[in-house]
Amino acid sequence: MIPACGLVAMLAVVDAVGAQQFYPPAPGASQFAPPVPKPPDLKITIPVVPKMDELPNRNYVPTSPRPSFGERTSRCLDAGAAAGLGPNQRAAFSRSCALRD
């Protein structure tokens, strides 16, 4: 029979060998994958709340000045003539074109 001291020593060696075994990584994970980076710091900004007695700031000034009505009409008459429209069709076209542009 094996002495108790030898049995304990043998179990200790077997236990140490078992602890050194290679356990594969979890499925889908790599053994060489770098550690997961920490999430970025969140910056919480508070939106500006409009005040009840303050009027909103509105800028209705056009960025470029609009050509005069005469200039727009001349351009539209030229475009109608270039398209081959007759005098009556050209007049109707130039009115709608000048008001639209």
Protein backbone atom coordinates (compact mmCIF):
# COMPACT_ATOMS: atom_id res chain seq x y z
CA MET A 1 0.00 0.00 0.00
CA ILE A 2 1.18 3.51 -0.75
CA PRO A 3 2.02 5.53 2.32
CA ALA A 4 -0.30 8.48 3.05
CA CYS A 5 2.53 10.98 2.70
CA GLY A 6 3.35 9.70 -0.81
CA LEU A 7 -0.29 9.78 -1.79
CA VAL A 8 -0.62 13.41 -0.75
CA ALA A 9 2.58 14.31 -2.61
CA MET A 10 1.39 12.54 -5.74
CA LEU A 11 -1.97 14.31 -5.63
CA ALA A 12 -0.20 17.67 -5.24
CA VAL A 13 1.94 17.00 -8.35
CA VAL A 14 -1.07 15.87 -10.40
CA ASP A 15 -3.01 18.94 -9.25
CA ALA A 16 -0.12 21.26 -10.26
CA VAL A 17 0.11 19.63 -13.69
CA GLY A 18 -3.63 20.05 -14.17
CA ALA A 19 -3.42 23.73 -13.28
CA GLN A 20 -0.86 24.28 -16.06
CA GLN A 21 -3.09 22.93 -18.79
CA PHE A 22 -4.03 25.22 -21.69
CA TYR A 23 -7.66 26.21 -21.78
CA PRO A 24 -8.74 27.57 -25.19
CA PRO A 25 -10.34 31.02 -25.32
CA ALA A 26 -14.07 31.41 -25.58
CA PRO A 27 -15.63 30.81 -29.02
CA GLY A 28 -15.18 33.86 -31.24
CA ALA A 29 -12.41 35.31 -29.06
CA SER A 30 -8.74 35.33 -29.95
CA GLN A 31 -5.91 34.41 -27.68
CA PHE A 32 -3.90 37.33 -29.09
CA ALA A 33 -6.67 39.96 -29.09
CA PRO A 34 -5.78 43.23 -27.39
CA PRO A 35 -7.76 44.23 -24.33
CA VAL A 36 -11.00 46.10 -24.88
CA PRO A 37 -10.40 49.88 -24.82
CA LYS A 38 -12.18 51.91 -22.20
CA PRO A 39 -15.18 53.89 -23.43
CA PRO A 40 -14.63 57.59 -24.19
CA ASP A 41 -15.58 60.19 -21.65
CA LEU A 42 -19.07 61.48 -22.23
CA LYS A 43 -19.46 65.23 -22.51
CA ILE A 44 -22.97 66.28 -21.65
CA THR A 45 -23.90 69.73 -22.89
CA ILE A 46 -27.04 71.51 -21.85
CA PRO A 47 -28.97 73.09 -24.74
CA VAL A 48 -29.70 76.80 -24.64
CA VAL A 49 -33.27 77.38 -23.54
CA PRO A 50 -34.94 80.44 -25.11
CA LYS A 51 -36.27 83.02 -22.69
CA MET A 52 -39.93 83.94 -22.61
CA ASP A 53 -39.48 87.71 -23.02
CA GLU A 54 -36.63 87.54 -25.59
CA LEU A 55 -37.40 87.76 -29.29
CA PRO A 56 -35.60 85.29 -31.53
CA ASN A 57 -32.75 86.66 -33.64
CA ARG A 58 -33.83 86.46 -37.29
CA ASN A 59 -31.86 87.68 -40.26
CA TYR A 60 -34.07 88.11 -43.34
CA VAL A 61 -31.56 90.06 -45.41
CA PRO A 62 -30.86 88.18 -48.66
CA THR A 63 -27.26 87.18 -49.22
CA SER A 64 -27.07 88.62 -52.75
CA PRO A 65 -29.26 91.39 -54.16
CA ARG A 66 -31.98 90.29 -56.56
CA PRO A 67 -31.81 91.66 -60.13
CA SER A 68 -34.42 94.29 -60.97
CA PHE A 69 -37.71 93.32 -62.58
CA GLY A 70 -36.60 94.85 -65.89
CA GLU A 71 -33.39 92.84 -65.95
CA ARG A 72 -35.27 89.62 -65.18
CA THR A 73 -37.88 90.40 -67.88
CA SER A 74 -35.17 91.06 -70.48
CA ARG A 75 -33.42 87.81 -69.61
CA CYS A 76 -36.70 85.87 -69.82
CA LEU A 77 -37.61 87.48 -73.18
CA ASP A 78 -34.21 86.47 -74.54
CA ALA A 79 -34.68 82.92 -73.24
CA GLY A 80 -38.14 82.72 -74.84
CA ALA A 81 -36.82 83.99 -78.17
CA ALA A 82 -33.96 81.51 -78.04
CA ALA A 83 -36.51 78.73 -77.45
CA GLY A 84 -38.37 79.79 -80.62
CA LEU A 85 -41.55 81.05 -78.94
CA GLY A 86 -43.90 83.39 -80.82
CA PRO A 87 -44.70 86.93 -79.58
CA ASN A 88 -47.80 85.96 -77.54
CA GLN A 89 -46.16 82.87 -76.05
CA ARG A 90 -43.03 84.89 -75.32
CA ALA A 91 -45.04 87.53 -73.42
CA ALA A 92 -46.76 84.92 -71.23
CA PHE A 93 -43.46 83.12 -70.70
CA SER A 94 -41.58 86.29 -69.75
CA ARG A 95 -44.25 87.31 -67.19
CA SER A 96 -44.25 83.95 -65.44
CA CYS A 97 -40.46 83.66 -65.68
CA ALA A 98 -39.77 87.17 -64.27
CA LEU A 99 -42.16 86.64 -61.33
CA ARG A 100 -40.72 83.23 -60.59
CA ASP A 101 -37.02 84.13 -60.61
